[in-house]
Structures are given as structure tokens and as C-alpha cells.
Amino acid sequence: MNLEQISQDRIVKESKLRAFIRQNMSTVSIFGILLAISIFFSIMTNSFLTVNNSLNIIVQVAPNIIVAVVMTFVITTGGIDLSVGSVLALASALTAVLLSNGFGSLATLIVVLIAGIAVGFINGFAIAQFKIPPLIVTLASMIYIRGLALLITGGYSIAILSEHSISQLGQGRVLGVPIAVVFAAIFVALGILLLRSTKYGNYVTGIGINEEAIRRTGVNTVKVKIMTYMLSGGAAALAGMIIATRLGSGSSNIGNMFELDIIAAVVLGGTALFGGAGTVVGSVIGVALIGVIKNGLTLMHVSPYIIQITEGLVLLIAVILNVRVFGKKK
């Protein structure tokens, strides 16, 4: 190979790299911010950049990743799901209640997943069939589902004994890797595959761009949207069981502000806020960024109130970047 050919190959590779960066500017930018913040916390605290703390962050964000992957699909359709935090709480509470009343682990797993999927079906049906704005439908669900979780627990935490095999969801390991992390990895892989390489993923993106045009091609957009919200409810239910079994108790009080963390992560990662473009990888990076910020500020002994303010500002910045900066490039 002569020098001219080497030079041409290098130019082609550089062109492809520039094109990739342009097409994924939001994801690349957020990843850069994640690295910068990680370096900052590594300098400011002695315990941030340790194996134990890194594993702790991964385990903590695994349920968020599971829900964020599916929320990417929801937002890509032009929708939103504010009920995921309440479904998380309902799943946690329902898991503890069923186990304490003699249900087996498998039966509990099935019932809780069905409950989450059912909530998603109700949301999706109301949104797709009756054309009610997703914000209104899922806001209502957020309220009544949280109320249902409070009703079945009386507002108290209920212990989940480690003798139940379902406890392995939050505490078990496969070849040394936490099962929760394995589930998160599976969701990420499936999410990328579905969004990029399947008709369903194309329909989801198409609905976000122009639902009427997709409908006129013969696609049952109602079915696609209902399925998407059902997946969202099921993912939130699974995440709720993982958190409950990891903590060893079910509570109706968990998951407060959870939905905002998830939405912030997805939007921050580069998924178009008003639909039409989604990135699962970006959502994962967004979840990691929020998890790192929380963890780092906690290690710095920052007040929880300041952490909550920071979360709100992160959400605001995410929306501004998504609409004003990255949105122009989509």
C-alpha cells in the first residue's frame, strides 16, 4: 500500500468519524460531560473513584436504566409517562404484600408484572384510542396508582424475607455480576435492537415524526402506542421489584420524583423531547450522569435539599439543550 492510498484511507476514516459525531452530537456531548463530572468528583473526594463505589453506582442505577430504555420509546413516539414512579411504588408494595400473604415468588413475579402492564395498557388505550394528551393521562395515573399503593400497605413498609427466591432479583448474582445489572444490560441490548433494526422501532420513530403519515401507510398506530405504554408499565414494575428485594422491604413511599429522573436522563441523552428521534445509548449515559451527580454530591456531604435543587436544574438544562441546541440538528 503506497502513501497516497494510506492518506486516502485516513481521510475516509476521519470523514466517517466527523459524520458520526455530527449525527450523535448530543450523545457525544453528554458523554463528555459525564467524564468531566466524574473527574471532578474523583478530585474532590477520595472514595468516588473506587471499585466499591463504582459498583454501588452501577447497582443503584440499574433499575433506572431498565425504565429509561423503555421511556426512550415512549418519548420517541411524542408521548410521556409520568406514572412510572407510582408503578414502581405499587410493584414494591404489591410484592411485599403478596409474599406476606403466602404467595410464592413466581406467582408474585407474574402478578406484579401483569399489574404494571395493565397500568400501561390503560394509559396507552386512553392516549391512543381517545386521543387524550399523554401528560394528562399519565399524571392521573401517577396520582391514583400511588394512592392504590398507599391503600394496600396502609403507608407502612413491609419486610421481604431473603428466604424468598424472588429476593435474588435485588440481591442475587450471576458469575459475580448482580442480577439487576444483568437485566439492565439485557434491556439496553434489546432496546438498541428494537429501535434501530425492527419495524416496531421504525413505527415508534415514525409516529413521533408524523403519526398521520404512518397511519395512512396501514400501520396500526393505536396498537403500537398501546404496546409502548404496556412495555413502560412492565419495565417500571420490574424495576420496583428489584428495588424492593434489594432493600428487603416493600413500600408505597419509594419512587418519589423517579419519573422526573428518568425523563431528565432520556432527554439529556438526546432523545427528542417532542418525538421523532430516540437514542437508547444516550438514555443510558443520561442515567449514569444523574447517578454520578447524586453519588458524588452525597460523598461530598452536600445537603439532600441541594441535591434535589441540582436535579431540578439538570432537568431544566436537559430541556434547554434538547430543544434549543440538539433539537436543531435532528
Protein backbone atom coordinates (compact mmCIF):
# COMPACT_ATOMS: atom_id res chain seq x y z
CA MET A 1 0.00 0.00 0.00
CA ASN A 2 1.51 3.35 -1.07
CA LEU A 3 1.43 6.66 0.78
CA GLU A 4 -1.39 8.02 -1.38
CA GLN A 5 -3.67 5.09 -0.52
CA ILE A 6 -2.83 5.42 3.18
CA SER A 7 -3.64 9.13 3.02
CA GLN A 8 -6.97 8.47 1.28
CA ASP A 9 -7.93 5.80 3.83
CA ARG A 10 -7.12 8.21 6.63
CA ILE A 11 -9.27 10.92 5.06
CA VAL A 12 -12.18 8.49 4.66
CA LYS A 13 -11.90 7.37 8.30
CA GLU A 14 -11.75 10.97 9.52
CA SER A 15 -14.80 11.86 7.41
CA LYS A 16 -16.74 8.93 8.87
CA LEU A 17 -15.71 9.95 12.37
CA ARG A 18 -16.84 13.54 11.80
CA ALA A 19 -20.14 12.33 10.35
CA PHE A 20 -20.67 10.03 13.32
CA ILE A 21 -20.00 12.87 15.78
CA ARG A 22 -22.37 15.21 13.92
CA GLN A 23 -25.15 12.62 13.88
CA ASN A 24 -24.66 11.78 17.56
CA MET A 25 -23.63 15.19 18.87
CA SER A 26 -25.99 15.10 21.85
CA THR A 27 -24.81 11.67 22.99
CA VAL A 28 -21.14 12.50 22.49
CA SER A 29 -21.55 15.81 24.35
CA ILE A 30 -23.32 14.24 27.32
CA PHE A 31 -20.68 11.52 27.50
CA GLY A 32 -18.03 14.23 27.63
CA ILE A 33 -19.90 15.95 30.45
CA LEU A 34 -20.14 12.62 32.30
CA LEU A 35 -16.37 12.17 32.05
CA ALA A 36 -15.71 15.75 33.20
CA ILE A 37 -18.02 15.44 36.22
CA SER A 38 -16.52 12.06 37.13
CA ILE A 39 -13.04 13.60 37.07
CA PHE A 40 -14.29 16.47 39.23
CA PHE A 41 -15.71 14.15 41.90
CA SER A 42 -12.58 11.98 41.74
CA ILE A 43 -10.55 15.06 42.65
CA MET A 44 -12.95 16.34 45.29
CA THR A 45 -13.45 13.03 47.13
CA ASN A 46 -11.16 10.14 47.93
CA SER A 47 -13.86 7.49 47.79
CA PHE A 48 -15.55 8.30 44.46
CA LEU A 49 -13.09 6.54 42.15
CA THR A 50 -13.03 3.21 43.98
CA VAL A 51 -14.19 -0.22 42.90
CA ASN A 52 -16.80 -0.45 45.67
CA ASN A 53 -18.30 2.94 44.92
CA SER A 54 -18.32 2.29 41.17
CA LEU A 55 -20.16 -0.99 41.71
CA ASN A 56 -22.54 0.77 44.07
CA ILE A 57 -23.39 3.35 41.39
CA ILE A 58 -23.97 0.63 38.79
CA VAL A 59 -26.30 -1.31 41.09
CA GLN A 60 -28.14 1.86 42.10
CA VAL A 61 -28.82 2.97 38.53
CA ALA A 62 -29.68 -0.47 37.09
CA PRO A 63 -33.46 -0.14 37.74
CA ASN A 64 -33.37 3.39 36.31
CA ILE A 65 -31.70 2.10 33.15
CA ILE A 66 -34.40 -0.54 32.72
CA VAL A 67 -37.15 2.09 32.82
CA ALA A 68 -35.17 4.69 30.85
CA VAL A 69 -34.71 2.30 27.92
CA VAL A 70 -38.46 1.91 27.53
CA MET A 71 -39.12 5.60 28.30
CA THR A 72 -36.93 6.31 25.26
CA PHE A 73 -39.55 4.58 23.12
CA VAL A 74 -42.40 6.42 24.84
CA ILE A 75 -40.84 9.86 24.31
CA THR A 76 -39.78 8.98 20.76
CA THR A 77 -43.47 8.49 19.90
CA GLY A 78 -44.08 12.04 21.12
CA GLY A 79 -45.53 10.84 24.43
CA ILE A 80 -44.51 10.84 28.06
CA ASP A 81 -45.16 8.58 31.05
CA LEU A 82 -45.37 10.29 34.42
CA SER A 83 -46.77 7.18 36.10
CA VAL A 84 -43.57 5.10 36.21
CA GLY A 85 -42.62 6.27 39.72
CA SER A 86 -46.03 5.32 41.06
CA VAL A 87 -45.97 1.96 39.26
CA LEU A 88 -42.56 1.41 40.84
CA ALA A 89 -44.09 2.04 44.28
CA LEU A 90 -47.10 -0.16 43.54
CA ALA A 91 -44.82 -3.01 42.42
CA SER A 92 -42.73 -2.65 45.56
CA ALA A 93 -45.77 -2.63 47.82
CA LEU A 94 -47.57 -5.40 45.96
CA THR A 95 -44.50 -7.65 46.06
CA ALA A 96 -44.26 -7.35 49.85
CA VAL A 97 -48.00 -7.77 50.40
CA LEU A 98 -48.31 -10.86 48.21
CA LEU A 99 -45.28 -12.56 49.74
CA SER A 100 -46.51 -11.82 53.27
CA ASN A 101 -49.86 -13.38 52.38
CA GLY A 102 -48.38 -16.68 51.26
CA PHE A 103 -47.89 -16.17 47.53
CA GLY A 104 -44.90 -17.92 46.01
CA SER A 105 -42.09 -16.00 44.34
CA LEU A 106 -43.07 -16.98 40.79
CA ALA A 107 -46.73 -16.13 41.33
CA THR A 108 -45.75 -12.80 42.86
CA LEU A 109 -43.46 -12.00 39.96
CA ILE A 110 -46.20 -12.75 37.43
CA VAL A 111 -48.93 -10.83 39.28
CA VAL A 112 -46.77 -7.74 39.77
CA LEU A 113 -45.64 -7.69 36.13
CA ILE A 114 -49.24 -8.08 34.98
CA ALA A 115 -50.27 -5.21 37.26
CA GLY A 116 -47.62 -2.95 35.73
CA ILE A 117 -48.51 -3.96 32.19
CA ALA A 118 -52.20 -3.38 32.96
CA VAL A 119 -51.48 0.19 34.08
CA GLY A 120 -49.54 0.69 30.86
CA PHE A 121 -52.45 -0.70 28.84
CA ILE A 122 -54.90 1.71 30.48
CA ASN A 123 -52.56 4.62 29.82
CA GLY A 124 -51.91 3.61 26.23
CA PHE A 125 -55.56 2.92 25.45
CA ALA A 126 -56.71 6.28 26.80
CA ILE A 127 -53.95 8.09 24.91
CA ALA A 128 -54.17 6.25 21.60
CA GLN A 129 -57.89 5.47 21.38
CA PHE A 130 -59.41 8.57 22.98
CA LYS A 131 -56.67 11.00 21.86
CA ILE A 132 -56.17 12.35 25.38
CA PRO A 133 -52.78 14.08 25.86
CA PRO A 134 -50.23 11.69 27.46
CA LEU A 135 -49.34 14.31 30.08
CA ILE A 136 -52.91 14.34 31.40
CA VAL A 137 -53.46 10.57 31.28
CA THR A 138 -50.20 9.60 32.97
CA LEU A 139 -50.48 12.42 35.52
CA ALA A 140 -53.83 10.98 36.57
CA SER A 141 -52.27 7.51 36.70
CA MET A 142 -49.41 8.81 38.79
CA ILE A 143 -51.91 10.01 41.39
CA TYR A 144 -54.31 7.07 41.58
CA ILE A 145 -51.63 4.38 41.35
CA ARG A 146 -49.69 5.97 44.21
CA GLY A 147 -52.95 6.08 46.17
CA LEU A 148 -53.53 2.39 45.46
CA ALA A 149 -50.03 1.57 46.72
CA LEU A 150 -50.71 3.52 49.91
CA LEU A 151 -54.05 1.73 50.33
CA ILE A 152 -52.66 -1.79 50.19
CA THR A 153 -49.81 -1.05 52.61
CA GLY A 154 -51.51 1.44 54.91
CA GLY A 155 -48.50 3.67 54.35
CA TYR A 156 -46.13 1.28 56.14
CA SER A 157 -43.10 -0.62 54.91
CA ILE A 158 -43.49 -4.40 54.77
CA ALA A 159 -40.47 -6.68 55.15
CA ILE A 160 -39.46 -9.04 52.36
CA LEU A 161 -37.59 -12.02 53.77
CA SER A 162 -34.45 -13.10 51.94
CA GLU A 163 -35.68 -16.70 52.03
CA HIS A 164 -37.97 -15.92 49.11
CA SER A 165 -36.30 -16.73 45.82
CA ILE A 166 -37.61 -13.50 44.31
CA SER A 167 -35.14 -11.72 46.57
CA GLN A 168 -32.46 -12.78 44.10
CA LEU A 169 -33.74 -10.04 41.77
CA GLY A 170 -32.21 -7.41 44.01
CA GLN A 171 -29.58 -9.39 45.90
CA GLY A 172 -28.50 -12.27 43.66
CA ARG A 173 -25.52 -12.51 41.33
CA VAL A 174 -24.69 -14.40 38.15
CA LEU A 175 -20.97 -15.11 37.80
CA GLY A 176 -20.36 -12.32 40.26
CA VAL A 177 -22.50 -9.79 38.37
CA PRO A 178 -25.63 -8.50 40.17
CA ILE A 179 -28.80 -9.84 38.56
CA ALA A 180 -30.19 -6.30 38.42
CA VAL A 181 -27.24 -5.27 36.27
CA VAL A 182 -27.77 -8.30 34.02
CA PHE A 183 -31.39 -7.27 33.48
CA ALA A 184 -30.32 -3.70 32.74
CA ALA A 185 -27.79 -4.92 30.15
CA ILE A 186 -30.43 -7.12 28.51
CA PHE A 187 -32.86 -4.20 28.31
CA VAL A 188 -30.21 -1.97 26.77
CA ALA A 189 -29.27 -4.58 24.15
CA LEU A 190 -32.91 -5.29 23.27
CA GLY A 191 -33.74 -1.59 23.26
CA ILE A 192 -30.97 -0.79 20.78
CA LEU A 193 -32.00 -3.73 18.59
CA LEU A 194 -35.71 -2.87 18.64
CA LEU A 195 -35.25 0.84 17.98
CA ARG A 196 -32.69 0.50 15.19
CA SER A 197 -33.40 -2.78 13.48
CA THR A 198 -37.09 -3.65 13.67
CA LYS A 199 -40.35 -2.49 12.13
CA TYR A 200 -41.63 -1.69 15.60
CA GLY A 201 -38.73 0.71 16.16
CA ASN A 202 -39.36 2.33 12.77
CA TYR A 203 -43.03 2.75 13.64
CA VAL A 204 -42.17 4.30 17.01
CA THR A 205 -39.89 6.84 15.35
CA GLY A 206 -42.35 7.44 12.52
CA ILE A 207 -45.21 8.12 14.91
CA GLY A 208 -43.09 10.74 16.62
CA ILE A 209 -42.29 12.41 13.29
CA ASN A 210 -45.72 12.24 11.65
CA GLU A 211 -48.30 9.88 13.11
CA GLU A 212 -50.90 10.56 10.44
CA ALA A 213 -48.49 9.69 7.64
CA ILE A 214 -47.58 6.43 9.36
CA ARG A 215 -51.26 5.60 9.90
CA ARG A 216 -52.01 6.14 6.22
CA THR A 217 -49.39 3.57 5.25
CA GLY A 218 -51.54 0.96 7.02
CA VAL A 219 -49.75 0.84 10.36
CA ASN A 220 -52.00 0.36 13.38
CA THR A 221 -50.62 3.31 15.35
CA VAL A 222 -53.08 2.72 18.18
CA LYS A 223 -51.67 -0.77 18.72
CA VAL A 224 -48.07 0.48 18.57
CA LYS A 225 -48.68 3.20 21.15
CA ILE A 226 -50.59 0.89 23.50
CA MET A 227 -47.78 -1.67 23.27
CA THR A 228 -45.22 1.03 24.07
CA TYR A 229 -47.01 2.12 27.23
CA MET A 230 -47.53 -1.51 28.26
CA LEU A 231 -43.77 -2.02 27.99
CA SER A 232 -43.26 1.10 30.10
CA GLY A 233 -45.57 -0.20 32.83
CA GLY A 234 -43.94 -3.63 32.79
CA ALA A 235 -40.43 -2.15 32.99
CA ALA A 236 -41.42 0.05 35.94
CA ALA A 237 -42.94 -2.97 37.71
CA LEU A 238 -39.75 -4.99 37.23
CA ALA A 239 -37.66 -2.06 38.50
CA GLY A 240 -39.93 -1.78 41.54
CA MET A 241 -39.42 -5.45 42.40
CA ILE A 242 -35.67 -5.12 42.01
CA ILE A 243 -35.53 -2.15 44.37
CA ALA A 244 -37.87 -3.74 46.90
CA THR A 245 -35.94 -7.01 47.03
CA ARG A 246 -32.61 -5.18 47.21
CA LEU A 247 -33.82 -3.13 50.19
CA GLY A 248 -35.59 -6.09 51.78
CA SER A 249 -38.90 -4.27 52.14
CA GLY A 250 -41.81 -3.05 50.07
CA SER A 251 -43.05 0.48 50.48
CA SER A 252 -45.56 2.77 48.84
CA ASN A 253 -43.28 5.71 49.51
CA ILE A 254 -40.43 4.81 47.16
CA GLY A 255 -40.17 6.25 43.69
CA ASN A 256 -40.94 9.86 44.54
CA MET A 257 -39.54 12.02 41.73
CA PHE A 258 -38.41 8.81 39.99
CA GLU A 259 -40.27 9.70 36.82
CA LEU A 260 -38.51 13.06 36.62
CA ASP A 261 -35.10 11.41 36.97
CA ILE A 262 -35.97 9.06 34.12
CA ILE A 263 -37.37 11.75 31.84
CA ALA A 264 -34.40 14.02 32.56
CA ALA A 265 -31.98 11.19 31.73
CA VAL A 266 -33.72 10.34 28.45
CA VAL A 267 -33.99 13.96 27.31
CA LEU A 268 -30.48 14.75 28.48
CA GLY A 269 -29.22 11.76 26.50
CA GLY A 270 -30.51 13.22 23.25
CA THR A 271 -33.96 11.73 22.67
CA ALA A 272 -36.11 14.43 21.07
CA LEU A 273 -38.50 15.81 23.68
CA PHE A 274 -41.33 16.11 21.17
CA GLY A 275 -40.69 12.78 19.47
CA GLY A 276 -39.23 11.55 16.23
CA ALA A 277 -35.69 10.71 17.37
CA GLY A 278 -34.51 8.44 20.17
CA THR A 279 -31.23 7.04 21.42
CA VAL A 280 -31.04 4.22 23.93
CA VAL A 281 -27.30 4.67 24.41
CA GLY A 282 -27.84 8.36 25.16
CA SER A 283 -30.51 7.50 27.72
CA VAL A 284 -28.12 5.13 29.50
CA ILE A 285 -25.47 7.85 29.61
CA GLY A 286 -28.09 10.27 30.93
CA VAL A 287 -29.00 7.85 33.73
CA ALA A 288 -25.31 7.40 34.56
CA LEU A 289 -24.79 11.17 34.64
CA ILE A 290 -27.63 11.75 37.09
CA GLY A 291 -26.49 8.78 39.20
CA VAL A 292 -22.92 10.10 39.31
CA ILE A 293 -24.09 13.59 40.30
CA LYS A 294 -26.20 12.21 43.16
CA ASN A 295 -23.46 9.89 44.34
CA GLY A 296 -20.72 12.49 44.10
CA LEU A 297 -22.68 15.18 45.92
CA THR A 298 -23.59 12.68 48.65
CA LEU A 299 -19.93 11.75 49.11
CA MET A 300 -19.15 15.46 49.40
CA HIS A 301 -21.73 15.62 52.22
CA VAL A 302 -23.88 18.09 50.33
CA SER A 303 -27.36 18.67 51.81
CA PRO A 304 -30.11 16.47 50.31
CA TYR A 305 -32.04 19.66 49.59
CA ILE A 306 -29.17 20.94 47.48
CA ILE A 307 -29.08 17.61 45.65
CA GLN A 308 -32.78 17.99 44.82
CA ILE A 309 -32.19 21.54 43.56
CA THR A 310 -29.35 20.20 41.41
CA GLU A 311 -31.63 17.53 39.95
CA GLY A 312 -34.17 20.17 39.01
CA LEU A 313 -31.50 22.30 37.35
CA VAL A 314 -30.21 19.25 35.46
CA LEU A 315 -33.74 18.65 34.12
CA LEU A 316 -34.04 22.30 33.07
CA ILE A 317 -30.66 22.22 31.33
CA ALA A 318 -31.62 18.95 29.63
CA VAL A 319 -34.76 20.50 28.16
CA ILE A 320 -32.92 23.64 27.01
CA LEU A 321 -30.17 21.62 25.34
CA ASN A 322 -32.65 19.23 23.77
CA VAL A 323 -34.93 21.90 22.32
CA ARG A 324 -32.55 24.77 21.56
CA VAL A 325 -29.24 23.09 20.76
CA PHE A 326 -29.54 19.41 19.83
CA GLY A 327 -33.10 19.80 18.54
CA LYS A 328 -31.88 21.97 15.68
CA LYS A 329 -29.63 19.15 14.46
CA LYS A 330 -32.23 16.42 14.33
